[in-house]
Every structure is written in structure tokens, then in C-alpha cells.
Amino acid sequence: MPKTAKITGQASVEYLVVCAALVAALLTPIDDNSDVMDLCIETLREWYTAFAYSKSLSVLPN
């Protein structure tokens, strides 16, 4: 068997391992039933609220 035939699917396996590790890290509870995803969602919600408020303000005259 040629050398290249043995390593053909290696990148797919590495990609799956890295993705599984990232998902596990994001869903691991931090404290009181909150995880990193909950924190990210809450932060994005706060940022969007601030952005929408700032977009709703009228432009100041010169």
C-alpha cells in the first residue's frame, strides 16, 4: 500500500476531534447551570440592544 493511501482521511478525523472539543468546551457548565454559550448569547443580546438604541437616536444638528 502506498504511503499516501494510509493518511487519506486524517484531516477529517482531526477536524471532527477539534469540533467535538470545541462543542464540549462551549457546553461545559461554568456555574449555576450557565455555560459559555449562555454567556455569549446574553452578551450578544446586550450588545444588540445597545446598538439598536444608538441607531434609533437622531443625528445632532451642526
PDB file of N, CA and C in Angstrom:
ATOM      1  N   MET A   1       0.847  -1.175   0.000  1.00  0.00           N
ATOM      2  CA  MET A   1       0.000   0.000   0.000  1.00  0.00           C
ATOM      3  C   MET A   1       0.896   1.244   0.000  1.00  0.00           C
ATOM      4  N   PRO A   2       0.626   2.212  -0.871  1.00  0.00           N
ATOM      5  CA  PRO A   2       1.437   3.429  -0.902  1.00  0.00           C
ATOM      6  C   PRO A   2       1.266   4.245   0.376  1.00  0.00           C
ATOM      7  N   LYS A   3       2.244   5.075   0.677  1.00  0.00           N
ATOM      8  CA  LYS A   3       2.214   5.885   1.892  1.00  0.00           C
ATOM      9  C   LYS A   3       1.015   6.837   1.922  1.00  0.00           C
ATOM     10  N   THR A   4       0.652   7.402   0.801  1.00  0.00           N
ATOM     11  CA  THR A   4      -0.441   8.379   0.775  1.00  0.00           C
ATOM     12  C   THR A   4      -1.797   7.736   1.044  1.00  0.00           C
ATOM     13  N   ALA A   5      -1.942   6.467   0.770  1.00  0.00           N
ATOM     14  CA  ALA A   5      -3.231   5.803   0.994  1.00  0.00           C
ATOM     15  C   ALA A   5      -3.528   5.651   2.488  1.00  0.00           C
ATOM     16  N   LYS A   6      -2.515   5.573   3.326  1.00  0.00           N
ATOM     17  CA  LYS A   6      -2.713   5.403   4.769  1.00  0.00           C
ATOM     18  C   LYS A   6      -3.192   6.678   5.452  1.00  0.00           C
ATOM     19  N   ILE A   7      -2.845   7.829   4.919  1.00  0.00           N
ATOM     20  CA  ILE A   7      -3.164   9.088   5.589  1.00  0.00           C
ATOM     21  C   ILE A   7      -4.267   9.865   4.879  1.00  0.00           C
ATOM     22  N   THR A   8      -5.037   9.234   4.053  1.00  0.00           N
ATOM     23  CA  THR A   8      -6.038   9.928   3.255  1.00  0.00           C
ATOM     24  C   THR A   8      -7.115  10.609   4.097  1.00  0.00           C
ATOM     25  N   GLY A   9      -7.653   9.965   5.130  1.00  0.00           N
ATOM     26  CA  GLY A   9      -8.739  10.545   5.905  1.00  0.00           C
ATOM     27  C   GLY A   9      -8.309  11.218   7.192  1.00  0.00           C
ATOM     28  N   GLN A  10      -7.036  11.485   7.366  1.00  0.00           N
ATOM     29  CA  GLN A  10      -6.530  12.026   8.621  1.00  0.00           C
ATOM     30  C   GLN A  10      -7.077  13.421   8.914  1.00  0.00           C
ATOM     31  N   ALA A  11      -7.192  14.274   7.921  1.00  0.00           N
ATOM     32  CA  ALA A  11      -7.678  15.636   8.145  1.00  0.00           C
ATOM     33  C   ALA A  11      -9.129  15.621   8.625  1.00  0.00           C
ATOM     34  N   SER A  12      -9.929  14.712   8.106  1.00  0.00           N
ATOM     35  CA  SER A  12     -11.328  14.622   8.531  1.00  0.00           C
ATOM     36  C   SER A  12     -11.431  14.225   9.995  1.00  0.00           C
ATOM     37  N   VAL A  13     -10.611  13.289  10.413  1.00  0.00           N
ATOM     38  CA  VAL A  13     -10.624  12.844  11.804  1.00  0.00           C
ATOM     39  C   VAL A  13     -10.165  13.973  12.714  1.00  0.00           C
ATOM     40  N   GLU A  14      -9.114  14.674  12.336  1.00  0.00           N
ATOM     41  CA  GLU A  14      -8.635  15.792  13.147  1.00  0.00           C
ATOM     42  C   GLU A  14      -9.689  16.887  13.243  1.00  0.00           C
ATOM     43  N   TYR A  15     -10.376  17.170  12.151  1.00  0.00           N
ATOM     44  CA  TYR A  15     -11.427  18.179  12.148  1.00  0.00           C
ATOM     45  C   TYR A  15     -12.549  17.773  13.097  1.00  0.00           C
ATOM     46  N   LEU A  16     -12.960  16.531  13.061  1.00  0.00           N
ATOM     47  CA  LEU A  16     -14.011  16.052  13.954  1.00  0.00           C
ATOM     48  C   LEU A  16     -13.593  16.138  15.416  1.00  0.00           C
ATOM     49  N   VAL A  17     -12.354  15.793  15.715  1.00  0.00           N
ATOM     50  CA  VAL A  17     -11.864  15.852  17.097  1.00  0.00           C
ATOM     51  C   VAL A  17     -11.843  17.294  17.602  1.00  0.00           C
ATOM     52  N   VAL A  18     -11.367  18.217  16.785  1.00  0.00           N
ATOM     53  CA  VAL A  18     -11.314  19.625  17.185  1.00  0.00           C
ATOM     54  C   VAL A  18     -12.723  20.189  17.367  1.00  0.00           C
ATOM     55  N   CYS A  19     -13.631  19.880  16.441  1.00  0.00           N
ATOM     56  CA  CYS A  19     -15.013  20.362  16.563  1.00  0.00           C
ATOM     57  C   CYS A  19     -15.690  19.792  17.800  1.00  0.00           C
ATOM     58  N   ALA A  20     -15.475  18.515  18.085  1.00  0.00           N
ATOM     59  CA  ALA A  20     -16.059  17.903  19.277  1.00  0.00           C
ATOM     60  C   ALA A  20     -15.508  18.547  20.547  1.00  0.00           C
ATOM     61  N   ALA A  21     -14.218  18.854  20.560  1.00  0.00           N
ATOM     62  CA  ALA A  21     -13.622  19.509  21.723  1.00  0.00           C
ATOM     63  C   ALA A  21     -14.191  20.918  21.915  1.00  0.00           C
ATOM     64  N   LEU A  22     -14.395  21.656  20.820  1.00  0.00           N
ATOM     65  CA  LEU A  22     -14.968  23.000  20.922  1.00  0.00           C
ATOM     66  C   LEU A  22     -16.413  22.963  21.425  1.00  0.00           C
ATOM     67  N   VAL A  23     -17.199  22.026  20.918  1.00  0.00           N
ATOM     68  CA  VAL A  23     -18.583  21.894  21.371  1.00  0.00           C
ATOM     69  C   VAL A  23     -18.614  21.528  22.852  1.00  0.00           C
ATOM     70  N   ALA A  24     -17.759  20.610  23.254  1.00  0.00           N
ATOM     71  CA  ALA A  24     -17.711  20.218  24.670  1.00  0.00           C
ATOM     72  C   ALA A  24     -17.303  21.398  25.550  1.00  0.00           C
ATOM     73  N   ALA A  25     -16.356  22.200  25.087  1.00  0.00           N
ATOM     74  CA  ALA A  25     -15.921  23.361  25.871  1.00  0.00           C
ATOM     75  C   ALA A  25     -17.021  24.411  25.967  1.00  0.00           C
ATOM     76  N   LEU A  26     -17.770  24.603  24.885  1.00  0.00           N
ATOM     77  CA  LEU A  26     -18.832  25.603  24.909  1.00  0.00           C
ATOM     78  C   LEU A  26     -20.024  25.183  25.757  1.00  0.00           C
ATOM     79  N   LEU A  27     -20.255  23.890  25.879  1.00  0.00           N
ATOM     80  CA  LEU A  27     -21.421  23.407  26.614  1.00  0.00           C
ATOM     81  C   LEU A  27     -21.105  22.955  28.036  1.00  0.00           C
ATOM     82  N   THR A  28     -19.855  23.082  28.451  1.00  0.00           N
ATOM     83  CA  THR A  28     -19.485  22.702  29.814  1.00  0.00           C
ATOM     84  C   THR A  28     -20.026  23.734  30.793  1.00  0.00           C
ATOM     85  N   PRO A  29     -20.755  23.295  31.811  1.00  0.00           N
ATOM     86  CA  PRO A  29     -21.298  24.257  32.781  1.00  0.00           C
ATOM     87  C   PRO A  29     -20.189  25.001  33.522  1.00  0.00           C
ATOM     88  N   ILE A  30     -20.410  26.297  33.733  1.00  0.00           N
ATOM     89  CA  ILE A  30     -19.431  27.109  34.446  1.00  0.00           C
ATOM     90  C   ILE A  30     -19.859  27.247  35.898  1.00  0.00           C
ATOM     91  N   ASP A  31     -21.042  27.794  36.105  1.00  0.00           N
ATOM     92  CA  ASP A  31     -21.569  27.954  37.455  1.00  0.00           C
ATOM     93  C   ASP A  31     -23.082  28.103  37.391  1.00  0.00           C
ATOM     94  N   ASP A  32     -23.767  27.516  38.335  1.00  0.00           N
ATOM     95  CA  ASP A  32     -25.218  27.643  38.453  1.00  0.00           C
ATOM     96  C   ASP A  32     -25.969  27.411  37.141  1.00  0.00           C
ATOM     97  N   ASN A  33     -25.664  26.329  36.465  1.00  0.00           N
ATOM     98  CA  ASN A  33     -26.345  25.931  35.230  1.00  0.00           C
ATOM     99  C   ASN A  33     -26.170  26.914  34.073  1.00  0.00           C
ATOM    100  N   SER A  34     -25.115  27.679  34.047  1.00  0.00           N
ATOM    101  CA  SER A  34     -24.833  28.519  32.889  1.00  0.00           C
ATOM    102  C   SER A  34     -23.558  28.006  32.239  1.00  0.00           C
ATOM    103  N   ASP A  35     -23.536  28.070  30.921  1.00  0.00           N
ATOM    104  CA  ASP A  35     -22.345  27.650  30.204  1.00  0.00           C
ATOM    105  C   ASP A  35     -21.864  28.799  29.320  1.00  0.00           C
ATOM    106  N   VAL A  36     -20.817  28.561  28.580  1.00  0.00           N
ATOM    107  CA  VAL A  36     -20.212  29.614  27.769  1.00  0.00           C
ATOM    108  C   VAL A  36     -21.193  30.095  26.702  1.00  0.00           C
ATOM    109  N   MET A  37     -21.986  29.187  26.135  1.00  0.00           N
ATOM    110  CA  MET A  37     -22.958  29.587  25.125  1.00  0.00           C
ATOM    111  C   MET A  37     -23.994  30.542  25.706  1.00  0.00           C
ATOM    112  N   ASP A  38     -24.455  30.267  26.920  1.00  0.00           N
ATOM    113  CA  ASP A  38     -25.414  31.172  27.557  1.00  0.00           C
ATOM    114  C   ASP A  38     -24.801  32.557  27.760  1.00  0.00           C
ATOM    115  N   LEU A  39     -23.544  32.596  28.185  1.00  0.00           N
ATOM    116  CA  LEU A  39     -22.869  33.878  28.378  1.00  0.00           C
ATOM    117  C   LEU A  39     -22.704  34.626  27.061  1.00  0.00           C
ATOM    118  N   CYS A  40     -22.350  33.916  26.000  1.00  0.00           N
ATOM    119  CA  CYS A  40     -22.191  34.540  24.687  1.00  0.00           C
ATOM    120  C   CYS A  40     -23.521  35.079  24.173  1.00  0.00           C
ATOM    121  N   ILE A  41     -24.581  34.302  24.335  1.00  0.00           N
ATOM    122  CA  ILE A  41     -25.898  34.738  23.870  1.00  0.00           C
ATOM    123  C   ILE A  41     -26.344  35.979  24.635  1.00  0.00           C
ATOM    124  N   GLU A  42     -26.163  35.986  25.939  1.00  0.00           N
ATOM    125  CA  GLU A  42     -26.559  37.143  26.749  1.00  0.00           C
ATOM    126  C   GLU A  42     -25.749  38.383  26.375  1.00  0.00           C
ATOM    127  N   THR A  43     -24.452  38.214  26.140  1.00  0.00           N
ATOM    128  CA  THR A  43     -23.601  39.341  25.754  1.00  0.00           C
ATOM    129  C   THR A  43     -24.016  39.900  24.400  1.00  0.00           C
ATOM    130  N   LEU A  44     -24.268  39.018  23.431  1.00  0.00           N
ATOM    131  CA  LEU A  44     -24.715  39.477  22.119  1.00  0.00           C
ATOM    132  C   LEU A  44     -26.056  40.176  22.207  1.00  0.00           C
ATOM    133  N   ARG A  45     -26.941  39.698  23.062  1.00  0.00           N
ATOM    134  CA  ARG A  45     -28.245  40.335  23.247  1.00  0.00           C
ATOM    135  C   ARG A  45     -28.068  41.751  23.808  1.00  0.00           C
ATOM    136  N   GLU A  46     -27.184  41.900  24.784  1.00  0.00           N
ATOM    137  CA  GLU A  46     -26.930  43.228  25.365  1.00  0.00           C
ATOM    138  C   GLU A  46     -26.308  44.168  24.335  1.00  0.00           C
ATOM    139  N   TRP A  47     -25.330  43.668  23.572  1.00  0.00           N
ATOM    140  CA  TRP A  47     -24.685  44.493  22.555  1.00  0.00           C
ATOM    141  C   TRP A  47     -25.688  44.922  21.488  1.00  0.00           C
ATOM    142  N   TYR A  48     -26.565  44.010  21.070  1.00  0.00           N
ATOM    143  CA  TYR A  48     -27.542  44.368  20.046  1.00  0.00           C
ATOM    144  C   TYR A  48     -28.538  45.385  20.579  1.00  0.00           C
ATOM    145  N   THR A  49     -28.930  45.256  21.833  1.00  0.00           N
ATOM    146  CA  THR A  49     -29.837  46.243  22.430  1.00  0.00           C
ATOM    147  C   THR A  49     -29.190  47.623  22.430  1.00  0.00           C
ATOM    148  N   ALA A  50     -27.923  47.700  22.809  1.00  0.00           N
ATOM    149  CA  ALA A  50     -27.212  48.978  22.799  1.00  0.00           C
ATOM    150  C   ALA A  50     -27.065  49.508  21.372  1.00  0.00           C
ATOM    151  N   PHE A  51     -26.790  48.629  20.422  1.00  0.00           N
ATOM    152  CA  PHE A  51     -26.653  49.028  19.019  1.00  0.00           C
ATOM    153  C   PHE A  51     -27.979  49.558  18.481  1.00  0.00           C
ATOM    154  N   ALA A  52     -29.074  48.853  18.755  1.00  0.00           N
ATOM    155  CA  ALA A  52     -30.384  49.288  18.271  1.00  0.00           C
ATOM    156  C   ALA A  52     -30.766  50.624  18.881  1.00  0.00           C
ATOM    157  N   TYR A  53     -30.441  50.824  20.159  1.00  0.00           N
ATOM    158  CA  TYR A  53     -30.728  52.106  20.802  1.00  0.00           C
ATOM    159  C   TYR A  53     -29.927  53.226  20.140  1.00  0.00           C
ATOM    160  N   SER A  54     -28.652  52.980  19.891  1.00  0.00           N
ATOM    161  CA  SER A  54     -27.822  54.029  19.293  1.00  0.00           C
ATOM    162  C   SER A  54     -28.249  54.331  17.859  1.00  0.00           C
ATOM    163  N   LYS A  55     -28.751  53.330  17.144  1.00  0.00           N
ATOM    164  CA  LYS A  55     -29.238  53.564  15.785  1.00  0.00           C
ATOM    165  C   LYS A  55     -30.552  54.328  15.786  1.00  0.00           C
ATOM    166  N   SER A  56     -31.313  54.233  16.870  1.00  0.00           N
ATOM    167  CA  SER A  56     -32.608  54.910  16.913  1.00  0.00           C
ATOM    168  C   SER A  56     -32.481  56.388  17.249  1.00  0.00           C
ATOM    169  N   LEU A  57     -31.322  56.807  17.734  1.00  0.00           N
ATOM    170  CA  LEU A  57     -31.132  58.215  18.067  1.00  0.00           C
ATOM    171  C   LEU A  57     -31.018  59.044  16.788  1.00  0.00           C
ATOM    172  N   SER A  58     -31.552  60.242  16.825  1.00  0.00           N
ATOM    173  CA  SER A  58     -31.453  61.105  15.652  1.00  0.00           C
ATOM    174  C   SER A  58     -30.075  61.762  15.621  1.00  0.00           C
ATOM    175  N   VAL A  59     -29.730  62.228  14.464  1.00  0.00           N
ATOM    176  CA  VAL A  59     -28.439  62.885  14.274  1.00  0.00           C
ATOM    177  C   VAL A  59     -28.515  64.288  14.876  1.00  0.00           C
ATOM    178  N   LEU A  60     -27.489  64.679  15.580  1.00  0.00           N
ATOM    179  CA  LEU A  60     -27.445  66.004  16.177  1.00  0.00           C
ATOM    180  C   LEU A  60     -27.202  67.058  15.088  1.00  0.00           C
ATOM    181  N   PRO A  61     -27.870  68.192  15.169  1.00  0.00           N
ATOM    182  CA  PRO A  61     -27.628  69.250  14.168  1.00  0.00           C
ATOM    183  C   PRO A  61     -26.258  69.898  14.391  1.00  0.00           C
ATOM    184  N   ASN A  62     -25.745  70.489  13.350  1.00  0.00           N
ATOM    185  CA  ASN A  62     -24.436  71.169  13.439  1.00  0.00           C
ATOM    186  C   ASN A  62     -24.514  72.444  14.177  1.00  0.00           C
TER     187      ASN A  62
END
